[in-house]
Amino acid sequence: MTVTATPDDTTCTAITQFLYREALALDERRFNDWLAMLAPDIRYEMPVRVTREGLADWELAPTSRIFDEDRQTLEVRVRRLETDFAWAEQPPSRTRHFVTNVLVDHTDRPDEYLAHSNLLVYRSRGSDPDPSLYSLFRKDTVRRNGSGWLLSRRWAALDQAVVNAHNLSVFI
């Protein structure tokens, strides 16, 4: 996908609002509403960050992924959260997604845009006084869907190489 000039302010604002509403759906645990914001061909991936020496060619593993999911696997995760068998989410996480520094670019497809953003996820569970914090850089492909938007690709990279939690069962 080739990135070209910046879209008009109305489009940039609409995409930014879409990303904020998507984050709100996740924070309010409205996972089915969140699924409705995803394109049928969604790709949802997070590469593994690797600590390497000096001038290494890469910090993100070219083939290893923390998440590499499609619509079907995301739907399975959401359905599982609705059961008593999502032990990694008992008690359920409380999250707050802070989406910042949103920059929107055209792509080579007239109905799709590339949104770069930073994300900070605050996660607390039960009465544990120590929350988890996840800092990420995201590249989202957002597709126009009638009068609204759908997320068709999420690529996110954690800033830390070691996750400071027992699991990473929340959506980013």
N, C-alpha and C. Protein backbone atom coordinates (compact mmCIF):
# COMPACT_ATOMS: atom_id res chain seq x y z
N MET A 1 0.84 -1.16 0.00
CA MET A 1 0.00 0.00 0.00
C MET A 1 0.90 1.23 0.00
N THR A 2 0.66 2.13 -0.94
CA THR A 2 1.43 3.35 -1.08
C THR A 2 0.71 4.48 -0.37
N VAL A 3 1.45 5.26 0.44
CA VAL A 3 0.87 6.39 1.13
C VAL A 3 1.13 7.64 0.30
N THR A 4 0.07 8.45 0.12
CA THR A 4 0.20 9.70 -0.63
C THR A 4 -0.15 10.88 0.28
N ALA A 5 -0.63 11.96 -0.25
CA ALA A 5 -0.88 13.20 0.50
C ALA A 5 -1.89 13.03 1.63
N THR A 6 -1.88 14.01 2.54
CA THR A 6 -2.79 14.02 3.68
C THR A 6 -4.22 14.33 3.22
N PRO A 7 -5.21 13.61 3.74
CA PRO A 7 -6.61 13.88 3.38
C PRO A 7 -7.10 15.20 3.98
N ASP A 8 -8.31 15.61 3.61
CA ASP A 8 -8.90 16.84 4.12
C ASP A 8 -9.20 16.71 5.62
N ASP A 9 -9.40 17.84 6.28
CA ASP A 9 -9.62 17.86 7.73
C ASP A 9 -10.87 17.09 8.15
N THR A 10 -11.91 17.13 7.35
CA THR A 10 -13.15 16.41 7.69
C THR A 10 -12.89 14.91 7.77
N THR A 11 -12.16 14.37 6.80
CA THR A 11 -11.83 12.95 6.79
C THR A 11 -10.93 12.59 7.97
N CYS A 12 -9.92 13.42 8.22
CA CYS A 12 -9.01 13.16 9.35
C CYS A 12 -9.76 13.16 10.68
N THR A 13 -10.64 14.11 10.85
CA THR A 13 -11.43 14.18 12.09
C THR A 13 -12.34 12.97 12.22
N ALA A 14 -12.99 12.57 11.13
CA ALA A 14 -13.89 11.42 11.18
C ALA A 14 -13.14 10.15 11.54
N ILE A 15 -11.96 9.95 10.99
CA ILE A 15 -11.17 8.75 11.30
C ILE A 15 -10.68 8.79 12.73
N THR A 16 -10.25 9.95 13.20
CA THR A 16 -9.81 10.09 14.59
C THR A 16 -10.97 9.78 15.54
N GLN A 17 -12.15 10.29 15.25
CA GLN A 17 -13.33 10.01 16.07
C GLN A 17 -13.67 8.52 16.05
N PHE A 18 -13.52 7.90 14.90
CA PHE A 18 -13.75 6.45 14.80
C PHE A 18 -12.80 5.70 15.73
N LEU A 19 -11.52 6.07 15.74
CA LEU A 19 -10.54 5.40 16.61
C LEU A 19 -10.87 5.63 18.08
N TYR A 20 -11.35 6.83 18.43
CA TYR A 20 -11.75 7.11 19.81
C TYR A 20 -12.97 6.25 20.20
N ARG A 21 -13.93 6.14 19.30
CA ARG A 21 -15.13 5.36 19.60
C ARG A 21 -14.81 3.87 19.71
N GLU A 22 -13.87 3.42 18.90
CA GLU A 22 -13.42 2.03 18.98
C GLU A 22 -12.79 1.77 20.35
N ALA A 23 -11.94 2.69 20.80
CA ALA A 23 -11.31 2.56 22.12
C ALA A 23 -12.35 2.56 23.24
N LEU A 24 -13.36 3.41 23.11
CA LEU A 24 -14.42 3.46 24.12
C LEU A 24 -15.19 2.15 24.18
N ALA A 25 -15.49 1.57 23.04
CA ALA A 25 -16.19 0.27 23.03
C ALA A 25 -15.37 -0.78 23.79
N LEU A 26 -14.05 -0.79 23.58
CA LEU A 26 -13.19 -1.75 24.30
C LEU A 26 -13.18 -1.46 25.80
N ASP A 27 -13.06 -0.18 26.17
CA ASP A 27 -13.02 0.17 27.60
C ASP A 27 -14.33 -0.16 28.31
N GLU A 28 -15.43 -0.07 27.59
CA GLU A 28 -16.74 -0.38 28.18
C GLU A 28 -17.11 -1.85 28.01
N ARG A 29 -16.17 -2.65 27.53
CA ARG A 29 -16.35 -4.09 27.34
C ARG A 29 -17.53 -4.40 26.42
N ARG A 30 -17.78 -3.53 25.45
CA ARG A 30 -18.81 -3.76 24.44
C ARG A 30 -18.15 -4.42 23.24
N PHE A 31 -17.75 -5.66 23.44
CA PHE A 31 -16.93 -6.35 22.45
C PHE A 31 -17.68 -6.66 21.16
N ASN A 32 -18.98 -6.91 21.23
CA ASN A 32 -19.73 -7.13 20.00
C ASN A 32 -19.86 -5.84 19.19
N ASP A 33 -20.00 -4.70 19.88
CA ASP A 33 -19.98 -3.42 19.17
C ASP A 33 -18.62 -3.21 18.51
N TRP A 34 -17.57 -3.60 19.22
CA TRP A 34 -16.21 -3.47 18.66
C TRP A 34 -16.07 -4.35 17.41
N LEU A 35 -16.56 -5.58 17.50
CA LEU A 35 -16.49 -6.46 16.32
C LEU A 35 -17.21 -5.84 15.12
N ALA A 36 -18.30 -5.13 15.36
CA ALA A 36 -19.05 -4.49 14.27
C ALA A 36 -18.24 -3.39 13.60
N MET A 37 -17.17 -2.92 14.25
CA MET A 37 -16.30 -1.88 13.69
C MET A 37 -15.18 -2.48 12.84
N LEU A 38 -15.12 -3.81 12.77
CA LEU A 38 -14.04 -4.49 12.05
C LEU A 38 -14.53 -4.98 10.70
N ALA A 39 -13.68 -4.83 9.68
CA ALA A 39 -14.00 -5.32 8.34
C ALA A 39 -13.98 -6.84 8.34
N PRO A 40 -14.73 -7.46 7.43
CA PRO A 40 -14.73 -8.93 7.34
C PRO A 40 -13.33 -9.50 7.07
N ASP A 41 -12.46 -8.74 6.41
CA ASP A 41 -11.11 -9.21 6.08
C ASP A 41 -10.04 -8.63 7.01
N ILE A 42 -10.44 -8.28 8.25
CA ILE A 42 -9.51 -7.68 9.22
C ILE A 42 -8.27 -8.53 9.41
N ARG A 43 -7.14 -7.87 9.56
CA ARG A 43 -5.89 -8.51 9.98
C ARG A 43 -5.43 -7.73 11.20
N TYR A 44 -5.16 -8.42 12.29
CA TYR A 44 -4.89 -7.83 13.59
C TYR A 44 -3.58 -8.43 14.07
N GLU A 45 -2.49 -7.65 14.00
CA GLU A 45 -1.20 -8.27 14.34
C GLU A 45 -0.31 -7.38 15.20
N MET A 46 0.47 -8.04 16.03
CA MET A 46 1.43 -7.38 16.89
C MET A 46 2.73 -8.20 16.87
N PRO A 47 3.78 -7.66 16.25
CA PRO A 47 5.05 -8.39 16.23
C PRO A 47 5.72 -8.38 17.61
N VAL A 48 6.60 -9.32 17.81
CA VAL A 48 7.38 -9.41 19.05
C VAL A 48 8.53 -8.42 18.97
N ARG A 49 8.70 -7.60 20.02
CA ARG A 49 9.84 -6.70 20.10
C ARG A 49 11.01 -7.47 20.69
N VAL A 50 12.17 -7.30 20.10
CA VAL A 50 13.37 -8.02 20.52
C VAL A 50 14.45 -7.01 20.88
N THR A 51 15.10 -7.22 22.02
CA THR A 51 16.23 -6.37 22.39
C THR A 51 17.47 -6.93 21.73
N ARG A 52 18.12 -6.09 20.91
CA ARG A 52 19.27 -6.56 20.13
C ARG A 52 20.45 -5.63 20.36
N GLU A 53 21.59 -6.06 19.97
CA GLU A 53 22.82 -5.30 20.13
C GLU A 53 22.91 -4.14 19.15
N GLY A 54 23.49 -3.05 19.60
CA GLY A 54 23.90 -1.91 18.79
C GLY A 54 23.06 -1.56 17.58
N LEU A 55 23.65 -1.71 16.41
CA LEU A 55 23.03 -1.27 15.17
C LEU A 55 22.33 -2.42 14.43
N ALA A 56 21.59 -3.22 15.16
CA ALA A 56 20.88 -4.35 14.54
C ALA A 56 19.91 -3.84 13.48
N ASP A 57 19.67 -4.66 12.48
CA ASP A 57 18.79 -4.26 11.38
C ASP A 57 17.33 -4.12 11.80
N TRP A 58 16.91 -4.82 12.85
CA TRP A 58 15.51 -4.76 13.25
C TRP A 58 15.36 -4.94 14.74
N GLU A 59 14.29 -4.34 15.29
CA GLU A 59 13.92 -4.52 16.70
C GLU A 59 12.62 -5.30 16.83
N LEU A 60 11.88 -5.38 15.73
CA LEU A 60 10.63 -6.13 15.72
C LEU A 60 10.86 -7.40 14.91
N ALA A 61 10.55 -8.52 15.51
CA ALA A 61 10.79 -9.81 14.85
C ALA A 61 10.05 -9.85 13.51
N PRO A 62 10.74 -10.21 12.45
CA PRO A 62 10.09 -10.22 11.14
C PRO A 62 8.99 -11.28 11.00
N THR A 63 9.05 -12.36 11.78
CA THR A 63 8.06 -13.42 11.62
C THR A 63 7.32 -13.77 12.92
N SER A 64 7.86 -13.48 14.08
CA SER A 64 7.20 -13.83 15.35
C SER A 64 6.16 -12.79 15.72
N ARG A 65 4.99 -13.25 16.20
CA ARG A 65 3.89 -12.36 16.53
C ARG A 65 3.30 -12.71 17.89
N ILE A 66 2.91 -11.68 18.63
CA ILE A 66 2.14 -11.87 19.86
C ILE A 66 0.70 -12.15 19.46
N PHE A 67 0.19 -11.37 18.50
CA PHE A 67 -1.12 -11.59 17.89
C PHE A 67 -0.93 -11.65 16.39
N ASP A 68 -1.63 -12.54 15.74
CA ASP A 68 -1.74 -12.55 14.28
C ASP A 68 -3.09 -13.17 14.00
N GLU A 69 -4.11 -12.32 13.98
CA GLU A 69 -5.48 -12.81 13.97
C GLU A 69 -6.26 -12.27 12.78
N ASP A 70 -7.37 -12.96 12.53
CA ASP A 70 -8.31 -12.52 11.50
C ASP A 70 -9.69 -12.40 12.15
N ARG A 71 -10.69 -12.14 11.36
CA ARG A 71 -12.04 -11.94 11.88
C ARG A 71 -12.51 -13.15 12.69
N GLN A 72 -12.28 -14.33 12.17
CA GLN A 72 -12.75 -15.55 12.84
C GLN A 72 -12.11 -15.71 14.22
N THR A 73 -10.82 -15.53 14.34
CA THR A 73 -10.16 -15.73 15.64
C THR A 73 -10.54 -14.62 16.62
N LEU A 74 -10.77 -13.41 16.13
CA LEU A 74 -11.22 -12.33 17.02
C LEU A 74 -12.63 -12.61 17.53
N GLU A 75 -13.49 -13.14 16.67
CA GLU A 75 -14.84 -13.51 17.11
C GLU A 75 -14.79 -14.62 18.15
N VAL A 76 -13.90 -15.58 17.98
CA VAL A 76 -13.74 -16.66 18.98
C VAL A 76 -13.31 -16.07 20.32
N ARG A 77 -12.35 -15.14 20.29
CA ARG A 77 -11.90 -14.51 21.54
C ARG A 77 -13.04 -13.79 22.23
N VAL A 78 -13.85 -13.06 21.48
CA VAL A 78 -14.98 -12.33 22.07
C VAL A 78 -16.01 -13.30 22.63
N ARG A 79 -16.34 -14.34 21.88
CA ARG A 79 -17.31 -15.34 22.39
C ARG A 79 -16.80 -15.98 23.68
N ARG A 80 -15.51 -16.25 23.74
CA ARG A 80 -14.93 -16.87 24.94
C ARG A 80 -15.04 -15.93 26.14
N LEU A 81 -14.85 -14.63 25.91
CA LEU A 81 -14.97 -13.66 27.00
C LEU A 81 -16.38 -13.63 27.58
N GLU A 82 -17.36 -14.07 26.82
CA GLU A 82 -18.75 -14.09 27.27
C GLU A 82 -19.08 -15.35 28.06
N THR A 83 -18.10 -16.23 28.27
CA THR A 83 -18.32 -17.47 29.02
C THR A 83 -17.61 -17.40 30.38
N ASP A 84 -17.76 -18.44 31.15
CA ASP A 84 -17.05 -18.54 32.43
C ASP A 84 -15.67 -19.17 32.26
N PHE A 85 -15.26 -19.42 31.02
CA PHE A 85 -14.00 -20.14 30.78
C PHE A 85 -12.87 -19.23 30.31
N ALA A 86 -13.05 -17.93 30.37
CA ALA A 86 -11.97 -16.99 30.02
C ALA A 86 -11.20 -16.68 31.30
N TRP A 87 -10.45 -17.67 31.77
CA TRP A 87 -9.80 -17.56 33.08
C TRP A 87 -8.79 -16.43 33.14
N ALA A 88 -8.17 -16.09 32.02
CA ALA A 88 -7.22 -14.99 32.02
C ALA A 88 -7.92 -13.66 32.30
N GLU A 89 -9.24 -13.64 32.16
CA GLU A 89 -10.01 -12.42 32.39
C GLU A 89 -10.99 -12.57 33.55
N GLN A 90 -10.60 -13.37 34.56
CA GLN A 90 -11.39 -13.51 35.77
C GLN A 90 -10.54 -13.03 36.94
N PRO A 91 -10.83 -11.93 37.55
CA PRO A 91 -11.91 -11.01 37.22
C PRO A 91 -11.59 -10.25 35.93
N PRO A 92 -12.60 -9.68 35.29
CA PRO A 92 -12.36 -8.96 34.04
C PRO A 92 -11.43 -7.76 34.23
N SER A 93 -10.62 -7.51 33.24
CA SER A 93 -9.74 -6.33 33.26
C SER A 93 -10.57 -5.07 33.10
N ARG A 94 -10.11 -4.04 33.78
CA ARG A 94 -10.63 -2.70 33.54
C ARG A 94 -9.55 -1.98 32.73
N THR A 95 -9.93 -1.47 31.58
CA THR A 95 -8.94 -0.83 30.71
C THR A 95 -9.34 0.61 30.40
N ARG A 96 -8.33 1.37 30.06
CA ARG A 96 -8.52 2.72 29.54
C ARG A 96 -7.52 2.85 28.39
N HIS A 97 -8.03 3.05 27.18
CA HIS A 97 -7.21 3.21 25.98
C HIS A 97 -7.04 4.70 25.70
N PHE A 98 -5.80 5.17 25.69
CA PHE A 98 -5.50 6.56 25.37
C PHE A 98 -4.89 6.60 23.97
N VAL A 99 -5.67 7.06 23.01
CA VAL A 99 -5.23 7.13 21.61
C VAL A 99 -4.76 8.56 21.36
N THR A 100 -3.51 8.72 20.91
CA THR A 100 -2.96 10.06 20.70
C THR A 100 -2.19 10.14 19.39
N ASN A 101 -1.81 11.35 19.05
CA ASN A 101 -0.93 11.63 17.91
C ASN A 101 -1.41 10.96 16.63
N VAL A 102 -2.70 11.07 16.36
CA VAL A 102 -3.27 10.44 15.18
C VAL A 102 -2.88 11.26 13.93
N LEU A 103 -2.27 10.59 12.98
CA LEU A 103 -1.94 11.17 11.68
C LEU A 103 -2.56 10.29 10.62
N VAL A 104 -3.28 10.90 9.68
CA VAL A 104 -4.01 10.15 8.66
C VAL A 104 -3.42 10.47 7.29
N ASP A 105 -3.21 9.42 6.50
CA ASP A 105 -2.70 9.57 5.14
C ASP A 105 -3.60 8.82 4.17
N HIS A 106 -3.61 9.30 2.92
CA HIS A 106 -4.25 8.56 1.84
C HIS A 106 -3.45 7.29 1.59
N THR A 107 -4.07 6.32 0.96
CA THR A 107 -3.36 5.15 0.45
C THR A 107 -3.62 5.10 -1.06
N ASP A 108 -3.18 4.05 -1.70
CA ASP A 108 -3.43 3.92 -3.14
C ASP A 108 -4.85 3.44 -3.45
N ARG A 109 -5.65 3.19 -2.41
CA ARG A 109 -7.06 2.82 -2.59
C ARG A 109 -7.92 4.01 -2.16
N PRO A 110 -8.84 4.46 -2.99
CA PRO A 110 -9.61 5.66 -2.67
C PRO A 110 -10.51 5.54 -1.45
N ASP A 111 -10.86 4.32 -1.05
CA ASP A 111 -11.76 4.13 0.09
C ASP A 111 -11.02 3.78 1.39
N GLU A 112 -9.68 3.75 1.37
CA GLU A 112 -8.90 3.37 2.56
C GLU A 112 -7.90 4.45 2.92
N TYR A 113 -7.66 4.54 4.24
CA TYR A 113 -6.72 5.51 4.79
C TYR A 113 -5.83 4.82 5.80
N LEU A 114 -4.62 5.32 5.95
CA LEU A 114 -3.68 4.79 6.93
C LEU A 114 -3.62 5.77 8.09
N ALA A 115 -3.95 5.29 9.29
CA ALA A 115 -3.92 6.13 10.49
C ALA A 115 -2.79 5.64 11.40
N HIS A 116 -1.81 6.50 11.60
CA HIS A 116 -0.74 6.23 12.56
C HIS A 116 -1.19 6.81 13.90
N SER A 117 -0.94 6.10 14.98
CA SER A 117 -1.28 6.64 16.29
C SER A 117 -0.41 6.01 17.36
N ASN A 118 -0.40 6.68 18.50
CA ASN A 118 0.23 6.12 19.69
C ASN A 118 -0.90 5.67 20.60
N LEU A 119 -0.64 4.64 21.37
CA LEU A 119 -1.66 4.10 22.27
C LEU A 119 -1.02 3.78 23.62
N LEU A 120 -1.69 4.20 24.67
CA LEU A 120 -1.33 3.80 26.02
C LEU A 120 -2.54 3.10 26.59
N VAL A 121 -2.35 1.85 27.02
CA VAL A 121 -3.44 1.09 27.63
C VAL A 121 -3.12 0.93 29.11
N TYR A 122 -4.02 1.41 29.94
CA TYR A 122 -3.97 1.23 31.39
C TYR A 122 -4.90 0.07 31.69
N ARG A 123 -4.38 -0.91 32.43
CA ARG A 123 -5.16 -2.11 32.74
C ARG A 123 -5.04 -2.42 34.23
N SER A 124 -6.19 -2.57 34.89
CA SER A 124 -6.19 -3.00 36.29
C SER A 124 -7.13 -4.20 36.41
N ARG A 125 -6.88 -4.99 37.43
CA ARG A 125 -7.69 -6.21 37.64
C ARG A 125 -7.96 -6.40 39.11
N GLY A 126 -9.20 -6.72 39.40
CA GLY A 126 -9.58 -7.02 40.78
C GLY A 126 -9.16 -5.93 41.73
N SER A 127 -8.55 -6.32 42.85
CA SER A 127 -8.09 -5.34 43.84
C SER A 127 -6.57 -5.19 43.79
N ASP A 128 -5.94 -5.68 42.73
CA ASP A 128 -4.48 -5.55 42.57
C ASP A 128 -4.11 -4.07 42.49
N PRO A 129 -3.22 -3.60 43.38
CA PRO A 129 -2.86 -2.18 43.37
C PRO A 129 -1.87 -1.80 42.26
N ASP A 130 -1.34 -2.80 41.56
CA ASP A 130 -0.34 -2.54 40.52
C ASP A 130 -0.94 -2.73 39.13
N PRO A 131 -1.25 -1.63 38.45
CA PRO A 131 -1.81 -1.77 37.10
C PRO A 131 -0.72 -2.13 36.10
N SER A 132 -1.15 -2.60 34.95
CA SER A 132 -0.24 -2.82 33.83
C SER A 132 -0.40 -1.66 32.86
N LEU A 133 0.71 -1.25 32.28
CA LEU A 133 0.71 -0.20 31.27
C LEU A 133 1.34 -0.75 30.01
N TYR A 134 0.69 -0.51 28.88
CA TYR A 134 1.21 -0.94 27.58
C TYR A 134 1.30 0.28 26.69
N SER A 135 2.48 0.57 26.22
CA SER A 135 2.69 1.68 25.30
C SER A 135 2.96 1.09 23.92
N LEU A 136 2.22 1.58 22.91
CA LEU A 136 2.31 1.00 21.57
C LEU A 136 2.29 2.08 20.50
N PHE A 137 2.83 1.72 19.35
CA PHE A 137 2.68 2.49 18.12
C PHE A 137 1.77 1.65 17.22
N ARG A 138 0.76 2.30 16.61
CA ARG A 138 -0.17 1.56 15.77
C ARG A 138 -0.19 2.13 14.35
N LYS A 139 -0.41 1.22 13.41
CA LYS A 139 -0.72 1.59 12.03
C LYS A 139 -2.03 0.89 11.70
N ASP A 140 -3.07 1.68 11.53
CA ASP A 140 -4.40 1.14 11.25
C ASP A 140 -4.81 1.50 9.84
N THR A 141 -5.32 0.54 9.12
CA THR A 141 -5.94 0.81 7.83
C THR A 141 -7.43 0.88 8.08
N VAL A 142 -8.01 2.03 7.74
CA VAL A 142 -9.42 2.30 7.98
C VAL A 142 -10.10 2.44 6.62
N ARG A 143 -11.21 1.75 6.45
CA ARG A 143 -11.92 1.72 5.17
C ARG A 143 -13.29 2.37 5.32
N ARG A 144 -13.62 3.22 4.36
CA ARG A 144 -14.94 3.84 4.34
C ARG A 144 -15.99 2.76 4.10
N ASN A 145 -17.06 2.82 4.89
CA ASN A 145 -18.15 1.85 4.78
C ASN A 145 -19.46 2.63 4.77
N GLY A 146 -19.93 3.01 3.59
CA GLY A 146 -21.12 3.85 3.52
C GLY A 146 -20.83 5.19 4.15
N SER A 147 -21.57 5.51 5.21
CA SER A 147 -21.33 6.78 5.90
C SER A 147 -20.40 6.63 7.09
N GLY A 148 -19.89 5.42 7.33
CA GLY A 148 -19.03 5.17 8.48
C GLY A 148 -17.69 4.59 8.08
N TRP A 149 -17.06 3.91 9.04
CA TRP A 149 -15.70 3.39 8.85
C TRP A 149 -15.61 1.98 9.41
N LEU A 150 -14.68 1.20 8.86
CA LEU A 150 -14.34 -0.12 9.38
C LEU A 150 -12.83 -0.21 9.48
N LEU A 151 -12.37 -0.90 10.52
CA LEU A 151 -10.94 -1.17 10.67
C LEU A 151 -10.62 -2.42 9.86
N SER A 152 -9.74 -2.30 8.86
CA SER A 152 -9.43 -3.46 8.03
C SER A 152 -8.05 -4.05 8.34
N ARG A 153 -7.21 -3.29 9.04
CA ARG A 153 -5.92 -3.83 9.45
C ARG A 153 -5.43 -3.05 10.66
N ARG A 154 -4.95 -3.78 11.65
CA ARG A 154 -4.28 -3.16 12.79
C ARG A 154 -2.93 -3.83 12.95
N TRP A 155 -1.91 -3.01 12.89
CA TRP A 155 -0.54 -3.45 13.15
C TRP A 155 -0.08 -2.60 14.32
N ALA A 156 0.31 -3.24 15.41
CA ALA A 156 0.70 -2.51 16.61
C ALA A 156 1.99 -3.09 17.17
N ALA A 157 2.88 -2.21 17.60
CA ALA A 157 4.15 -2.63 18.17
C ALA A 157 4.28 -2.10 19.60
N LEU A 158 4.46 -3.01 20.53
CA LEU A 158 4.73 -2.62 21.92
C LEU A 158 6.07 -1.92 22.00
N ASP A 159 6.16 -0.92 22.87
CA ASP A 159 7.45 -0.27 23.08
C ASP A 159 8.36 -1.09 23.99
N GLN A 160 7.79 -1.93 24.84
CA GLN A 160 8.61 -2.74 25.73
C GLN A 160 8.83 -4.14 25.15
N ALA A 161 9.97 -4.71 25.46
CA ALA A 161 10.28 -6.06 25.00
C ALA A 161 9.73 -7.11 25.97
N VAL A 162 9.53 -6.73 27.22
CA VAL A 162 9.01 -7.64 28.23
C VAL A 162 7.66 -7.10 28.71
N VAL A 163 6.62 -7.92 28.60
CA VAL A 163 5.28 -7.52 29.02
C VAL A 163 5.19 -7.68 30.53
N ASN A 164 4.77 -6.61 31.21
CA ASN A 164 4.75 -6.61 32.68
C ASN A 164 3.42 -7.09 33.24
N ALA A 165 2.91 -8.19 32.71
CA ALA A 165 1.65 -8.75 33.19
C ALA A 165 1.70 -10.27 33.00
N HIS A 166 0.79 -10.97 33.66
CA HIS A 166 0.74 -12.43 33.54
C HIS A 166 0.22 -12.86 32.18
N ASN A 167 -0.55 -11.98 31.53
CA ASN A 167 -1.08 -12.31 30.21
C ASN A 167 -1.34 -11.01 29.45
N LEU A 168 -1.58 -11.13 28.18
CA LEU A 168 -1.96 -9.99 27.34
C LEU A 168 -3.28 -10.37 26.68
N SER A 169 -4.31 -10.41 27.50
CA SER A 169 -5.62 -10.89 27.03
C SER A 169 -6.55 -9.75 26.62
N VAL A 170 -6.07 -8.52 26.68
CA VAL A 170 -6.91 -7.38 26.28
C VAL A 170 -6.69 -7.08 24.80
N PHE A 171 -7.66 -6.41 24.21
CA PHE A 171 -7.53 -5.97 22.82
C PHE A 171 -6.81 -4.63 22.80
N ILE A 172 -6.01 -4.44 21.79
CA ILE A 172 -5.27 -3.20 21.66
C ILE A 172 -5.81 -2.45 20.48
